[in-house]
Amino acid sequence: MVLSVSGVVLLGIIVFLFFRKDGLKPSHALVCALFGFFLAGTAIAPGIKAGSASLASLLGGIKL
């Protein structure tokens, strides 16, 4: 749950920055949100979740 909440916050910040700096239109953001919403209901959603968890653990293991 913590990973999904932090991922949502991170992606929300990225979308906000795109909206403010790169001219992302609200309609484009809405389409992206709807795409993500409908993608979460498909059969590929568990694979995406596992892949993002794997990437998060990989990035969390990097020591600078």
N, C-alpha and C. Protein backbone atom coordinates (compact mmCIF):
# COMPACT_ATOMS: atom_id res chain seq x y z
N MET A 1 0.82 -1.20 0.00
CA MET A 1 0.00 0.00 0.00
C MET A 1 0.86 1.25 0.00
N VAL A 2 1.94 1.24 0.77
CA VAL A 2 2.81 2.41 0.84
C VAL A 2 3.44 2.68 -0.51
N LEU A 3 3.84 1.61 -1.21
CA LEU A 3 4.45 1.77 -2.53
C LEU A 3 3.47 2.38 -3.52
N SER A 4 2.23 1.95 -3.51
CA SER A 4 1.27 2.49 -4.47
C SER A 4 0.92 3.94 -4.15
N VAL A 5 0.84 4.30 -2.85
CA VAL A 5 0.55 5.68 -2.49
C VAL A 5 1.72 6.58 -2.88
N SER A 6 2.95 6.15 -2.59
CA SER A 6 4.10 6.97 -2.96
C SER A 6 4.24 7.06 -4.47
N GLY A 7 3.91 5.99 -5.17
CA GLY A 7 3.94 6.04 -6.63
C GLY A 7 2.92 7.01 -7.20
N VAL A 8 1.74 7.01 -6.61
CA VAL A 8 0.69 7.94 -7.05
C VAL A 8 1.12 9.38 -6.78
N VAL A 9 1.72 9.62 -5.62
CA VAL A 9 2.18 10.98 -5.30
C VAL A 9 3.28 11.40 -6.27
N LEU A 10 4.24 10.51 -6.52
CA LEU A 10 5.32 10.83 -7.45
C LEU A 10 4.80 11.12 -8.85
N LEU A 11 3.91 10.27 -9.35
CA LEU A 11 3.35 10.49 -10.68
C LEU A 11 2.48 11.75 -10.71
N GLY A 12 1.79 12.04 -9.62
CA GLY A 12 1.02 13.28 -9.53
C GLY A 12 1.90 14.51 -9.62
N ILE A 13 3.05 14.47 -8.95
CA ILE A 13 3.99 15.59 -9.02
C ILE A 13 4.53 15.75 -10.43
N ILE A 14 4.84 14.63 -11.08
CA ILE A 14 5.35 14.70 -12.46
C ILE A 14 4.30 15.29 -13.39
N VAL A 15 3.06 14.85 -13.24
CA VAL A 15 1.98 15.39 -14.08
C VAL A 15 1.81 16.89 -13.81
N PHE A 16 1.87 17.29 -12.54
CA PHE A 16 1.76 18.70 -12.20
C PHE A 16 2.89 19.51 -12.84
N LEU A 17 4.11 19.00 -12.79
CA LEU A 17 5.24 19.70 -13.40
C LEU A 17 5.08 19.80 -14.91
N PHE A 18 4.61 18.71 -15.54
CA PHE A 18 4.35 18.76 -16.97
C PHE A 18 3.27 19.79 -17.30
N PHE A 19 2.27 19.84 -16.45
CA PHE A 19 1.18 20.79 -16.66
C PHE A 19 1.68 22.22 -16.55
N ARG A 20 2.53 22.49 -15.57
CA ARG A 20 3.01 23.85 -15.34
C ARG A 20 4.11 24.25 -16.31
N LYS A 21 5.03 23.36 -16.62
CA LYS A 21 6.23 23.73 -17.38
C LYS A 21 6.15 23.39 -18.86
N ASP A 22 5.65 22.24 -19.20
CA ASP A 22 5.71 21.76 -20.58
C ASP A 22 4.40 21.90 -21.34
N GLY A 23 3.41 22.52 -20.76
CA GLY A 23 2.17 22.76 -21.47
C GLY A 23 1.26 21.56 -21.61
N LEU A 24 1.26 20.67 -20.62
CA LEU A 24 0.32 19.55 -20.64
C LEU A 24 -1.09 20.10 -20.48
N LYS A 25 -1.93 19.76 -21.38
CA LYS A 25 -3.30 20.25 -21.33
C LYS A 25 -4.12 19.41 -20.36
N PRO A 26 -5.09 20.02 -19.69
CA PRO A 26 -5.92 19.23 -18.76
C PRO A 26 -6.62 18.05 -19.44
N SER A 27 -6.97 18.20 -20.70
CA SER A 27 -7.62 17.08 -21.40
C SER A 27 -6.65 15.91 -21.57
N HIS A 28 -5.36 16.20 -21.81
CA HIS A 28 -4.37 15.14 -21.93
C HIS A 28 -4.18 14.43 -20.59
N ALA A 29 -4.15 15.20 -19.50
CA ALA A 29 -4.02 14.61 -18.17
C ALA A 29 -5.22 13.73 -17.85
N LEU A 30 -6.40 14.16 -18.24
CA LEU A 30 -7.61 13.37 -18.01
C LEU A 30 -7.57 12.06 -18.80
N VAL A 31 -7.12 12.12 -20.04
CA VAL A 31 -7.02 10.91 -20.85
C VAL A 31 -6.01 9.94 -20.24
N CYS A 32 -4.87 10.47 -19.76
CA CYS A 32 -3.87 9.62 -19.12
C CYS A 32 -4.42 8.98 -17.85
N ALA A 33 -5.16 9.74 -17.06
CA ALA A 33 -5.75 9.21 -15.83
C ALA A 33 -6.77 8.12 -16.15
N LEU A 34 -7.61 8.36 -17.14
CA LEU A 34 -8.60 7.35 -17.53
C LEU A 34 -7.93 6.10 -18.08
N PHE A 35 -6.85 6.28 -18.86
CA PHE A 35 -6.11 5.14 -19.39
C PHE A 35 -5.56 4.30 -18.25
N GLY A 36 -4.97 4.95 -17.25
CA GLY A 36 -4.43 4.23 -16.10
C GLY A 36 -5.53 3.52 -15.32
N PHE A 37 -6.67 4.19 -15.18
CA PHE A 37 -7.79 3.60 -14.46
C PHE A 37 -8.28 2.34 -15.16
N PHE A 38 -8.46 2.40 -16.46
CA PHE A 38 -8.94 1.24 -17.20
C PHE A 38 -7.88 0.16 -17.33
N LEU A 39 -6.61 0.55 -17.41
CA LEU A 39 -5.51 -0.42 -17.48
C LEU A 39 -5.42 -1.22 -16.20
N ALA A 40 -5.77 -0.61 -15.06
CA ALA A 40 -5.72 -1.30 -13.78
C ALA A 40 -6.74 -2.43 -13.72
N GLY A 41 -7.76 -2.39 -14.53
CA GLY A 41 -8.78 -3.43 -14.52
C GLY A 41 -8.53 -4.56 -15.51
N THR A 42 -7.41 -4.52 -16.22
CA THR A 42 -7.12 -5.55 -17.21
C THR A 42 -6.31 -6.68 -16.61
N ALA A 43 -6.06 -7.70 -17.40
CA ALA A 43 -5.29 -8.86 -16.95
C ALA A 43 -3.81 -8.55 -16.81
N ILE A 44 -3.34 -7.50 -17.41
CA ILE A 44 -1.92 -7.15 -17.34
C ILE A 44 -1.58 -6.36 -16.07
N ALA A 45 -2.57 -5.93 -15.32
CA ALA A 45 -2.35 -5.12 -14.13
C ALA A 45 -1.44 -5.79 -13.09
N PRO A 46 -1.60 -7.09 -12.79
CA PRO A 46 -0.67 -7.71 -11.83
C PRO A 46 0.78 -7.70 -12.31
N GLY A 47 0.99 -7.86 -13.60
CA GLY A 47 2.35 -7.80 -14.15
C GLY A 47 2.95 -6.42 -14.03
N ILE A 48 2.14 -5.40 -14.26
CA ILE A 48 2.62 -4.02 -14.11
C ILE A 48 2.94 -3.74 -12.65
N LYS A 49 2.09 -4.20 -11.76
CA LYS A 49 2.33 -3.99 -10.32
C LYS A 49 3.59 -4.71 -9.88
N ALA A 50 3.79 -5.93 -10.33
CA ALA A 50 5.00 -6.68 -9.97
C ALA A 50 6.25 -6.02 -10.55
N GLY A 51 6.15 -5.54 -11.77
CA GLY A 51 7.28 -4.87 -12.39
C GLY A 51 7.64 -3.58 -11.69
N SER A 52 6.64 -2.81 -11.29
CA SER A 52 6.92 -1.57 -10.58
C SER A 52 7.47 -1.85 -9.19
N ALA A 53 7.01 -2.91 -8.53
CA ALA A 53 7.57 -3.28 -7.22
C ALA A 53 9.01 -3.73 -7.36
N SER A 54 9.30 -4.46 -8.42
CA SER A 54 10.67 -4.90 -8.67
C SER A 54 11.59 -3.71 -8.95
N LEU A 55 11.10 -2.76 -9.74
CA LEU A 55 11.89 -1.57 -10.03
C LEU A 55 12.11 -0.74 -8.77
N ALA A 56 11.10 -0.65 -7.93
CA ALA A 56 11.23 0.10 -6.67
C ALA A 56 12.26 -0.55 -5.75
N SER A 57 12.25 -1.88 -5.68
CA SER A 57 13.23 -2.55 -4.83
C SER A 57 14.63 -2.43 -5.42
N LEU A 58 14.74 -2.43 -6.72
CA LEU A 58 16.04 -2.24 -7.37
C LEU A 58 16.57 -0.85 -7.09
N LEU A 59 15.73 0.16 -7.23
CA LEU A 59 16.16 1.53 -6.96
C LEU A 59 16.43 1.74 -5.47
N GLY A 60 15.67 1.05 -4.62
CA GLY A 60 15.88 1.17 -3.18
C GLY A 60 17.18 0.53 -2.73
N GLY A 61 17.70 -0.41 -3.50
CA GLY A 61 18.94 -1.10 -3.16
C GLY A 61 20.19 -0.37 -3.62
N ILE A 62 20.03 0.67 -4.39
CA ILE A 62 21.20 1.43 -4.88
C ILE A 62 21.76 2.27 -3.75
N LYS A 63 23.04 2.14 -3.51
CA LYS A 63 23.70 2.91 -2.46
C LYS A 63 24.62 3.93 -3.13
N LEU A 64 24.41 5.17 -2.79
CA LEU A 64 25.24 6.23 -3.37
C LEU A 64 26.36 6.61 -2.45
